[in-house]
Structure formats: C-alpha cells, structure tokens
Amino acid sequence: MSLEPWIDQLQKAGRYSFERADALRDLAISKPSLKKALQRASSRGRILPLRRDFYVIVPLEYGAVGAAPAEWFLDHLMTFLGSPYYVGGLSAAARHGAAHQRPQETQVAVANHLRNIDTHAVRIRFLRNAAMDHALTQPHRTQTGDIPVSTPEWTAIDLIRFQRQLGGMDAVATVLAELADALDPHQLVLAGERESTTAYLQRLGWILDFLGHEKITLPLHKCVLHRSPSFTPLNPSLKERNGDRDSHWRVIVNEEPEADL
C-alpha cells in the first residue's frame, strides 16, 4: 500500500494525524521513499507537517482551510511531544461562553517550555504553567475523543496568570465580564485553594468586584484573607507600582482596567 491510500484508511478510522514512525511501520517502505511520498502529499495539500515527524491529515472539506480543527489532533500531538496539557486561556474561556475575544489560535497550558506552532492553517500557543499539576480540568468532547479543558474557575485564575500573554488587563477584564456567568463561588474557592500564588487570587477578586460580581467573590475573599496576603500591584507588568490601595483585597490599583463590551 502506498502512503495516500494509507492516509485515507486512517481518516476513515477517525484519525486525523500520524507520526512518521507509524507510516514506516505500516507501509514497510524505505525512509527515502517515504520522505518523497510525504513531500508529494504535503504539496498536494493532503497532509500538513506540524512538527518534525508529525503530520496532520487534511480532510477534503477542510482543504480550503488547510487543516482540520486543532482539537481533533491535539491529544495525539501532546502525546507525541510527551507533555501533559490542558486547553486554557482564551480558548478555554470561549468554550465556557466568553467568546467576545475568541482567539485565532488554540491556547494550551503545559508544564515546560514548548515552541509555539504557527503555520498557515494551525496556530497553537503554549502557555507555561509550572504548577499545572494543580489545575482543575473537565473533559471536552471532540470529533476524536475527549480533551482536558480548564474549568471556568481555573480559567479565571489563568486569565490573571497569563494576562501579559493574553493582551493585558483590559483584555482579561473583558473576558472575565463574560466568564463571570459561568463561575460558581464555591468552585472558585476550591480552585483558589489549589493555587499557590495568592496574588493571582487577589487580582482576580478585585477585578470581579470591579465588574460588579461581589456575590461570586465572597467565599474567595475569606480564602485569601486566611493567607494574610501582602499588598500586590494589580498589574505587575507595569513599571508604575503606585496607586490607590484597596484594603479589601490588599491590591495596589496601579491600573484601572476597561472591559470592552
């Protein structure tokens, strides 16, 4: 069997990605022959090279786009990369109903640094969270199986954690304004108890209160006070660290975010 009929079989079986080693094993052809076959299939738009030795199958109906949705092959890709992961950031927020700033990329939290993927058809941004073992996730059903997505409450914390990568505090406030409807106060406390960086919780609580969601943050505030936190700047990315001091959350308001709704 040649490469493209083999790819057709994979797709019929519901697979939308493969590794070079898979093709070598199943087709029993030489490495030079396989290299040429992969180049031909890629030039024809039948496959998309995503990482060295990892390829995405392009279904006919996605030919104009150049790739199937990332979530269809994401779990296989992360297994290939040997990295635990969860879909997070703006991508998770969009799945929980906060789609005002839906990203043009799939945002994935990982424990260690990974080079982003940026092709004409697939963009995946890796957000490093060294403490991701504590993350709260839930399964999200895709065409090819379940993938882990951060819960609404953990997503809210991650928006604060990654605010600089996600466009700054204005962008985060905009997403939180929409995500608030999906937040459960008690689940937010459970997420907060797993988060070791108290400053993230202080900033999140302040912004949610600023947006008018004080009822959501009441239990979280008790959790934060129990840690006896020091004052922290609302936006640590700014050189300016002075501003009004909010004694409730012990936050220095060195920037007042504007939600774009």
C-alpha atoms as a PDB file:
ATOM      1  CA  MET A   1       0.000   0.000   0.000  1.00  0.00           C
ATOM      2  CA  SER A   2       1.215   3.491  -0.808  1.00  0.00           C
ATOM      3  CA  LEU A   3       1.062   6.484   1.524  1.00  0.00           C
ATOM      4  CA  GLU A   4      -2.128   8.251   0.418  1.00  0.00           C
ATOM      5  CA  PRO A   5      -4.411   5.171   0.489  1.00  0.00           C
ATOM      6  CA  TRP A   6      -2.982   4.503   3.963  1.00  0.00           C
ATOM      7  CA  ILE A   7      -3.859   8.089   4.964  1.00  0.00           C
ATOM      8  CA  ASP A   8      -7.385   7.533   3.614  1.00  0.00           C
ATOM      9  CA  GLN A   9      -7.724   4.482   5.853  1.00  0.00           C
ATOM     10  CA  LEU A  10      -6.601   6.455   8.894  1.00  0.00           C
ATOM     11  CA  GLN A  11      -9.187   9.128   8.207  1.00  0.00           C
ATOM     12  CA  LYS A  12     -11.945   6.556   7.735  1.00  0.00           C
ATOM     13  CA  ALA A  13     -10.999   5.202  11.162  1.00  0.00           C
ATOM     14  CA  GLY A  14     -11.420   8.678  12.664  1.00  0.00           C
ATOM     15  CA  ARG A  15      -7.734   9.619  12.901  1.00  0.00           C
ATOM     16  CA  TYR A  16      -6.529  12.994  11.678  1.00  0.00           C
ATOM     17  CA  SER A  17      -2.812  12.816  12.462  1.00  0.00           C
ATOM     18  CA  PHE A  18       0.061  10.379  12.274  1.00  0.00           C
ATOM     19  CA  GLU A  19       3.742  10.049  13.007  1.00  0.00           C
ATOM     20  CA  ARG A  20       6.476   9.212  10.526  1.00  0.00           C
ATOM     21  CA  ALA A  21       7.226   6.094  12.577  1.00  0.00           C
ATOM     22  CA  ASP A  22       3.628   4.917  12.056  1.00  0.00           C
ATOM     23  CA  ALA A  23       3.983   5.165   8.292  1.00  0.00           C
ATOM     24  CA  LEU A  24       7.362   3.418   8.264  1.00  0.00           C
ATOM     25  CA  ARG A  25       5.960   0.581  10.330  1.00  0.00           C
ATOM     26  CA  ASP A  26       2.693   0.073   8.443  1.00  0.00           C
ATOM     27  CA  LEU A  27       3.886   0.690   4.895  1.00  0.00           C
ATOM     28  CA  ALA A  28       7.208  -1.148   5.156  1.00  0.00           C
ATOM     29  CA  ILE A  29       8.956   1.223   2.745  1.00  0.00           C
ATOM     30  CA  SER A  30      12.382   2.800   2.879  1.00  0.00           C
ATOM     31  CA  LYS A  31      12.953   6.141   4.576  1.00  0.00           C
ATOM     32  CA  PRO A  32      13.920   7.875   1.294  1.00  0.00           C
ATOM     33  CA  SER A  33      10.762   6.587  -0.406  1.00  0.00           C
ATOM     34  CA  LEU A  34       8.604   7.692   2.489  1.00  0.00           C
ATOM     35  CA  LYS A  35      10.242  11.141   2.508  1.00  0.00           C
ATOM     36  CA  LYS A  36       9.333  11.658  -1.159  1.00  0.00           C
ATOM     37  CA  ALA A  37       5.793  10.384  -0.611  1.00  0.00           C
ATOM     38  CA  LEU A  38       5.306  12.761   2.336  1.00  0.00           C
ATOM     39  CA  GLN A  39       6.576  15.672   0.261  1.00  0.00           C
ATOM     40  CA  ARG A  40       4.140  14.829  -2.536  1.00  0.00           C
ATOM     41  CA  ALA A  41       1.208  14.515  -0.143  1.00  0.00           C
ATOM     42  CA  SER A  42       2.142  17.796   1.509  1.00  0.00           C
ATOM     43  CA  SER A  43       2.437  19.656  -1.805  1.00  0.00           C
ATOM     44  CA  ARG A  44      -0.989  18.326  -2.800  1.00  0.00           C
ATOM     45  CA  GLY A  45      -2.473  19.646   0.459  1.00  0.00           C
ATOM     46  CA  ARG A  46      -3.395  16.162   1.689  1.00  0.00           C
ATOM     47  CA  ILE A  47      -1.263  16.489   4.830  1.00  0.00           C
ATOM     48  CA  LEU A  48       0.243  19.323   6.849  1.00  0.00           C
ATOM     49  CA  PRO A  49       3.664  18.883   8.507  1.00  0.00           C
ATOM     50  CA  LEU A  50       3.178  20.240  12.027  1.00  0.00           C
ATOM     51  CA  ARG A  51       6.291  19.174  13.889  1.00  0.00           C
ATOM     52  CA  ARG A  52       9.269  17.148  12.783  1.00  0.00           C
ATOM     53  CA  ASP A  53       7.911  13.617  12.145  1.00  0.00           C
ATOM     54  CA  PHE A  54       4.310  14.614  12.985  1.00  0.00           C
ATOM     55  CA  TYR A  55       1.678  15.216  10.310  1.00  0.00           C
ATOM     56  CA  VAL A  56      -1.935  16.340  10.249  1.00  0.00           C
ATOM     57  CA  ILE A  57      -4.364  14.838   7.749  1.00  0.00           C
ATOM     58  CA  VAL A  58      -6.398  17.428   5.825  1.00  0.00           C
ATOM     59  CA  PRO A  59      -9.959  16.215   5.123  1.00  0.00           C
ATOM     60  CA  LEU A  60     -11.450  17.256   1.797  1.00  0.00           C
ATOM     61  CA  GLU A  61     -13.982  19.541   3.486  1.00  0.00           C
ATOM     62  CA  TYR A  62     -11.126  21.419   5.182  1.00  0.00           C
ATOM     63  CA  GLY A  63      -8.975  21.703   2.074  1.00  0.00           C
ATOM     64  CA  ALA A  64      -9.529  25.452   1.760  1.00  0.00           C
ATOM     65  CA  VAL A  65      -8.573  25.973   5.409  1.00  0.00           C
ATOM     66  CA  GLY A  66      -5.553  23.676   5.200  1.00  0.00           C
ATOM     67  CA  ALA A  67      -6.154  21.589   8.327  1.00  0.00           C
ATOM     68  CA  ALA A  68      -8.811  20.002  10.484  1.00  0.00           C
ATOM     69  CA  PRO A  69      -9.652  21.765  13.787  1.00  0.00           C
ATOM     70  CA  ALA A  70      -6.727  21.571  16.212  1.00  0.00           C
ATOM     71  CA  GLU A  71      -8.802  19.860  18.876  1.00  0.00           C
ATOM     72  CA  TRP A  72      -9.180  16.848  16.566  1.00  0.00           C
ATOM     73  CA  PHE A  73      -5.483  16.013  16.763  1.00  0.00           C
ATOM     74  CA  LEU A  74      -4.350  17.905  19.863  1.00  0.00           C
ATOM     75  CA  ASP A  75      -4.285  14.920  22.198  1.00  0.00           C
ATOM     76  CA  HIS A  76      -2.169  12.905  19.761  1.00  0.00           C
ATOM     77  CA  LEU A  77       0.174  15.857  19.287  1.00  0.00           C
ATOM     78  CA  MET A  78       0.693  16.324  23.024  1.00  0.00           C
ATOM     79  CA  THR A  79       1.319  12.606  23.487  1.00  0.00           C
ATOM     80  CA  PHE A  80       3.859  12.807  20.668  1.00  0.00           C
ATOM     81  CA  LEU A  81       5.521  15.774  22.399  1.00  0.00           C
ATOM     82  CA  GLY A  82       5.464  13.913  25.706  1.00  0.00           C
ATOM     83  CA  SER A  83       3.780  16.779  27.525  1.00  0.00           C
ATOM     84  CA  PRO A  84       0.816  16.854  29.912  1.00  0.00           C
ATOM     85  CA  TYR A  85      -1.549  19.648  28.921  1.00  0.00           C
ATOM     86  CA  TYR A  86      -4.930  21.250  29.093  1.00  0.00           C
ATOM     87  CA  VAL A  87      -6.701  23.706  26.812  1.00  0.00           C
ATOM     88  CA  GLY A  88      -6.635  27.001  28.701  1.00  0.00           C
ATOM     89  CA  GLY A  89      -6.545  30.772  28.445  1.00  0.00           C
ATOM     90  CA  LEU A  90      -8.859  32.410  25.918  1.00  0.00           C
ATOM     91  CA  SER A  91      -9.525  29.057  24.219  1.00  0.00           C
ATOM     92  CA  ALA A  92     -10.980  27.629  27.438  1.00  0.00           C
ATOM     93  CA  ALA A  93     -12.878  30.855  28.151  1.00  0.00           C
ATOM     94  CA  ALA A  94     -14.512  30.657  24.716  1.00  0.00           C
ATOM     95  CA  ARG A  95     -15.680  27.117  25.462  1.00  0.00           C
ATOM     96  CA  HIS A  96     -17.286  28.394  28.655  1.00  0.00           C
ATOM     97  CA  GLY A  97     -19.216  31.119  26.846  1.00  0.00           C
ATOM     98  CA  ALA A  98     -16.759  34.025  26.891  1.00  0.00           C
ATOM     99  CA  ALA A  99     -16.233  34.337  23.154  1.00  0.00           C
ATOM    100  CA  HIS A 100     -16.006  38.123  22.792  1.00  0.00           C
ATOM    101  CA  GLN A 101     -12.255  37.843  22.213  1.00  0.00           C
ATOM    102  CA  ARG A 102     -12.179  34.383  20.653  1.00  0.00           C
ATOM    103  CA  PRO A 103      -8.516  33.731  19.800  1.00  0.00           C
ATOM    104  CA  GLN A 104      -7.293  32.900  16.308  1.00  0.00           C
ATOM    105  CA  GLU A 105      -5.136  30.247  17.915  1.00  0.00           C
ATOM    106  CA  THR A 106      -5.529  27.319  20.285  1.00  0.00           C
ATOM    107  CA  GLN A 107      -4.040  28.135  23.683  1.00  0.00           C
ATOM    108  CA  VAL A 108      -2.645  25.173  25.587  1.00  0.00           C
ATOM    109  CA  ALA A 109      -1.168  25.154  29.089  1.00  0.00           C
ATOM    110  CA  VAL A 110       1.926  22.970  29.561  1.00  0.00           C
ATOM    111  CA  ALA A 111       4.392  22.369  32.370  1.00  0.00           C
ATOM    112  CA  ASN A 112       7.566  23.090  30.422  1.00  0.00           C
ATOM    113  CA  HIS A 113       8.502  25.468  27.633  1.00  0.00           C
ATOM    114  CA  LEU A 114       7.404  24.362  24.163  1.00  0.00           C
ATOM    115  CA  ARG A 115       7.937  26.229  20.916  1.00  0.00           C
ATOM    116  CA  ASN A 116       4.667  27.612  19.550  1.00  0.00           C
ATOM    117  CA  ILE A 117       3.224  26.172  16.359  1.00  0.00           C
ATOM    118  CA  ASP A 118       2.492  28.767  13.707  1.00  0.00           C
ATOM    119  CA  THR A 119       1.585  27.540  10.225  1.00  0.00           C
ATOM    120  CA  HIS A 120      -0.740  28.960   7.597  1.00  0.00           C
ATOM    121  CA  ALA A 121      -3.507  26.690   8.876  1.00  0.00           C
ATOM    122  CA  VAL A 122      -2.742  25.842  12.517  1.00  0.00           C
ATOM    123  CA  ARG A 123      -1.653  28.137  15.330  1.00  0.00           C
ATOM    124  CA  ILE A 124      -1.073  26.727  18.804  1.00  0.00           C
ATOM    125  CA  ARG A 125       0.294  28.869  21.614  1.00  0.00           C
ATOM    126  CA  PHE A 126       1.799  27.075  24.586  1.00  0.00           C
ATOM    127  CA  LEU A 127       1.346  28.805  27.943  1.00  0.00           C
ATOM    128  CA  ARG A 128       3.840  27.586  30.526  1.00  0.00           C
ATOM    129  CA  ASN A 129       2.394  26.818  33.937  1.00  0.00           C
ATOM    130  CA  ALA A 130       4.991  25.024  36.056  1.00  0.00           C
ATOM    131  CA  ALA A 131       2.331  24.197  38.666  1.00  0.00           C
ATOM    132  CA  MET A 132      -0.205  22.807  36.218  1.00  0.00           C
ATOM    133  CA  ASP A 133      -0.459  19.572  38.235  1.00  0.00           C
ATOM    134  CA  HIS A 134      -2.847  21.525  40.470  1.00  0.00           C
ATOM    135  CA  ALA A 135      -5.091  22.610  37.596  1.00  0.00           C
ATOM    136  CA  LEU A 136      -8.782  21.775  37.627  1.00  0.00           C
ATOM    137  CA  THR A 137      -9.987  20.497  34.274  1.00  0.00           C
ATOM    138  CA  GLN A 138     -13.014  18.872  32.727  1.00  0.00           C
ATOM    139  CA  PRO A 139     -13.355  16.709  29.611  1.00  0.00           C
ATOM    140  CA  HIS A 140     -14.435  18.336  26.366  1.00  0.00           C
ATOM    141  CA  ARG A 141     -15.813  16.020  23.695  1.00  0.00           C
ATOM    142  CA  THR A 142     -14.328  16.390  20.225  1.00  0.00           C
ATOM    143  CA  GLN A 143     -14.620  14.546  16.913  1.00  0.00           C
ATOM    144  CA  THR A 144     -11.839  12.180  18.003  1.00  0.00           C
ATOM    145  CA  GLY A 145     -12.378  11.875  21.765  1.00  0.00           C
ATOM    146  CA  ASP A 146     -12.118  13.911  24.932  1.00  0.00           C
ATOM    147  CA  ILE A 147      -9.505  16.577  25.641  1.00  0.00           C
ATOM    148  CA  PRO A 148      -8.944  18.331  29.003  1.00  0.00           C
ATOM    149  CA  VAL A 149     -10.128  21.931  29.295  1.00  0.00           C
ATOM    150  CA  SER A 150      -9.662  24.085  32.379  1.00  0.00           C
ATOM    151  CA  THR A 151     -12.837  24.589  34.418  1.00  0.00           C
ATOM    152  CA  PRO A 152     -14.416  28.053  34.329  1.00  0.00           C
ATOM    153  CA  GLU A 153     -12.946  28.830  37.746  1.00  0.00           C
ATOM    154  CA  TRP A 154      -9.436  27.686  36.896  1.00  0.00           C
ATOM    155  CA  THR A 155      -9.716  29.516  33.586  1.00  0.00           C
ATOM    156  CA  ALA A 156     -10.441  32.713  35.530  1.00  0.00           C
ATOM    157  CA  ILE A 157      -7.260  32.272  37.575  1.00  0.00           C
ATOM    158  CA  ASP A 158      -5.268  31.502  34.429  1.00  0.00           C
ATOM    159  CA  LEU A 159      -6.507  34.693  32.788  1.00  0.00           C
ATOM    160  CA  ILE A 160      -4.788  36.574  35.608  1.00  0.00           C
ATOM    161  CA  ARG A 161      -1.724  34.322  35.490  1.00  0.00           C
ATOM    162  CA  PHE A 162      -1.229  34.834  31.743  1.00  0.00           C
ATOM    163  CA  GLN A 163      -2.601  38.375  31.464  1.00  0.00           C
ATOM    164  CA  ARG A 164       0.501  39.719  29.766  1.00  0.00           C
ATOM    165  CA  GLN A 165       0.461  36.995  27.081  1.00  0.00           C
ATOM    166  CA  LEU A 166      -3.292  37.392  26.572  1.00  0.00           C
ATOM    167  CA  GLY A 167      -3.333  41.089  25.775  1.00  0.00           C
ATOM    168  CA  GLY A 168      -3.167  42.822  29.156  1.00  0.00           C
ATOM    169  CA  MET A 169      -5.618  43.665  31.915  1.00  0.00           C
ATOM    170  CA  ASP A 170      -8.174  45.315  29.610  1.00  0.00           C
ATOM    171  CA  ALA A 171      -8.472  42.131  27.569  1.00  0.00           C
ATOM    172  CA  VAL A 172      -8.647  39.994  30.714  1.00  0.00           C
ATOM    173  CA  ALA A 173     -11.374  42.207  32.222  1.00  0.00           C
ATOM    174  CA  THR A 174     -13.379  41.910  29.001  1.00  0.00           C
ATOM    175  CA  VAL A 175     -13.237  38.115  29.085  1.00  0.00           C
ATOM    176  CA  LEU A 176     -13.942  37.919  32.829  1.00  0.00           C
ATOM    177  CA  ALA A 177     -17.036  40.088  32.359  1.00  0.00           C
ATOM    178  CA  GLU A 178     -18.452  37.345  30.129  1.00  0.00           C
ATOM    179  CA  LEU A 179     -16.980  34.383  32.011  1.00  0.00           C
ATOM    180  CA  ALA A 180     -18.500  35.533  35.327  1.00  0.00           C
ATOM    181  CA  ASP A 181     -21.865  33.957  34.474  1.00  0.00           C
ATOM    182  CA  ALA A 182     -20.178  30.539  34.369  1.00  0.00           C
ATOM    183  CA  LEU A 183     -18.363  30.914  37.707  1.00  0.00           C
ATOM    184  CA  ASP A 184     -19.559  29.071  40.795  1.00  0.00           C
ATOM    185  CA  PRO A 185     -18.481  30.800  44.049  1.00  0.00           C
ATOM    186  CA  HIS A 186     -17.695  27.573  45.879  1.00  0.00           C
ATOM    187  CA  GLN A 187     -15.882  26.033  42.920  1.00  0.00           C
ATOM    188  CA  LEU A 188     -13.879  29.259  42.724  1.00  0.00           C
ATOM    189  CA  VAL A 189     -12.753  28.678  46.315  1.00  0.00           C
ATOM    190  CA  LEU A 190     -11.754  25.098  45.500  1.00  0.00           C
ATOM    191  CA  ALA A 191      -9.700  26.392  42.590  1.00  0.00           C
ATOM    192  CA  GLY A 192      -8.228  29.120  44.773  1.00  0.00           C
ATOM    193  CA  GLU A 193      -7.163  26.620  47.405  1.00  0.00           C
ATOM    194  CA  ARG A 194      -5.135  24.798  44.756  1.00  0.00           C
ATOM    195  CA  GLU A 195      -3.462  27.996  43.537  1.00  0.00           C
ATOM    196  CA  SER A 196      -0.255  28.708  45.455  1.00  0.00           C
ATOM    197  CA  THR A 197       0.232  32.279  44.200  1.00  0.00           C
ATOM    198  CA  THR A 198      -2.057  34.354  46.385  1.00  0.00           C
ATOM    199  CA  ALA A 199      -1.502  37.495  44.308  1.00  0.00           C
ATOM    200  CA  TYR A 200      -3.391  35.920  41.388  1.00  0.00           C
ATOM    201  CA  LEU A 201      -6.409  35.410  43.641  1.00  0.00           C
ATOM    202  CA  GLN A 202      -6.193  38.966  44.989  1.00  0.00           C
ATOM    203  CA  ARG A 203      -6.145  40.426  41.469  1.00  0.00           C
ATOM    204  CA  LEU A 204      -8.947  38.160  40.295  1.00  0.00           C
ATOM    205  CA  GLY A 205     -11.114  39.048  43.273  1.00  0.00           C
ATOM    206  CA  TRP A 206     -10.517  42.752  42.776  1.00  0.00           C
ATOM    207  CA  ILE A 207     -11.388  42.674  39.068  1.00  0.00           C
ATOM    208  CA  LEU A 208     -14.550  40.609  39.603  1.00  0.00           C
ATOM    209  CA  ASP A 209     -15.683  43.062  42.290  1.00  0.00           C
ATOM    210  CA  PHE A 210     -14.789  45.957  39.982  1.00  0.00           C
ATOM    211  CA  LEU A 211     -17.022  44.355  37.327  1.00  0.00           C
ATOM    212  CA  GLY A 212     -19.919  44.116  39.819  1.00  0.00           C
ATOM    213  CA  HIS A 213     -19.721  40.448  40.797  1.00  0.00           C
ATOM    214  CA  GLU A 214     -19.175  40.764  44.550  1.00  0.00           C
ATOM    215  CA  LYS A 215     -21.502  37.823  45.287  1.00  0.00           C
ATOM    216  CA  ILE A 216     -19.198  35.487  43.383  1.00  0.00           C
ATOM    217  CA  THR A 217     -16.117  36.560  45.315  1.00  0.00           C
ATOM    218  CA  LEU A 218     -17.401  36.439  48.912  1.00  0.00           C
ATOM    219  CA  PRO A 219     -16.151  32.887  49.649  1.00  0.00           C
ATOM    220  CA  LEU A 220     -12.901  33.541  47.741  1.00  0.00           C
ATOM    221  CA  HIS A 221     -12.233  36.628  49.858  1.00  0.00           C
ATOM    222  CA  LYS A 222     -12.312  34.544  53.034  1.00  0.00           C
ATOM    223  CA  CYS A 223      -9.831  32.114  51.456  1.00  0.00           C
ATOM    224  CA  VAL A 224      -7.488  34.977  50.558  1.00  0.00           C
ATOM    225  CA  LEU A 225      -7.686  36.659  53.979  1.00  0.00           C
ATOM    226  CA  HIS A 226      -6.804  33.375  55.631  1.00  0.00           C
ATOM    227  CA  ARG A 227      -3.388  33.634  53.927  1.00  0.00           C
ATOM    228  CA  SER A 228      -2.719  37.125  55.350  1.00  0.00           C
ATOM    229  CA  PRO A 229      -1.519  38.480  51.991  1.00  0.00           C
ATOM    230  CA  SER A 230       0.733  41.460  51.431  1.00  0.00           C
ATOM    231  CA  PHE A 231      -0.304  44.299  49.128  1.00  0.00           C
ATOM    232  CA  THR A 232       0.259  43.439  45.459  1.00  0.00           C
ATOM    233  CA  PRO A 233       0.025  45.604  42.310  1.00  0.00           C
ATOM    234  CA  LEU A 234      -2.993  44.909  40.154  1.00  0.00           C
ATOM    235  CA  ASN A 235      -0.815  44.858  37.038  1.00  0.00           C
ATOM    236  CA  PRO A 236       2.702  43.609  37.855  1.00  0.00           C
ATOM    237  CA  SER A 237       3.776  44.186  34.240  1.00  0.00           C
ATOM    238  CA  LEU A 238       3.772  47.956  34.686  1.00  0.00           C
ATOM    239  CA  LYS A 239       6.798  49.845  35.958  1.00  0.00           C
ATOM    240  CA  GLU A 240       4.427  52.131  37.871  1.00  0.00           C
ATOM    241  CA  ARG A 241       3.664  50.371  41.147  1.00  0.00           C
ATOM    242  CA  ASN A 242       1.891  53.245  42.914  1.00  0.00           C
ATOM    243  CA  GLY A 243      -1.847  53.777  43.104  1.00  0.00           C
ATOM    244  CA  ASP A 244      -4.860  53.640  45.372  1.00  0.00           C
ATOM    245  CA  ARG A 245      -4.651  50.871  47.961  1.00  0.00           C
ATOM    246  CA  ASP A 246      -7.674  48.616  48.158  1.00  0.00           C
ATOM    247  CA  SER A 247      -7.646  47.222  51.710  1.00  0.00           C
ATOM    248  CA  HIS A 248     -10.357  44.654  50.937  1.00  0.00           C
ATOM    249  CA  TRP A 249      -8.205  42.616  48.542  1.00  0.00           C
ATOM    250  CA  ARG A 250      -4.926  44.277  49.537  1.00  0.00           C
ATOM    251  CA  VAL A 251      -4.367  45.350  45.926  1.00  0.00           C
ATOM    252  CA  ILE A 252      -2.495  48.424  44.731  1.00  0.00           C
ATOM    253  CA  VAL A 253      -4.593  49.747  41.848  1.00  0.00           C
ATOM    254  CA  ASN A 254      -1.807  50.830  39.506  1.00  0.00           C
ATOM    255  CA  GLU A 255      -4.115  50.434  36.503  1.00  0.00           C
ATOM    256  CA  GLU A 256      -7.875  50.591  36.169  1.00  0.00           C
ATOM    257  CA  PRO A 257      -8.909  48.060  33.520  1.00  0.00           C
ATOM    258  CA  GLU A 258     -11.532  48.812  30.891  1.00  0.00           C
ATOM    259  CA  ALA A 259     -13.761  45.972  29.752  1.00  0.00           C
ATOM    260  CA  ASP A 260     -14.553  46.245  26.028  1.00  0.00           C
ATOM    261  CA  LEU A 261     -18.122  45.008  25.797  1.00  0.00           C
END
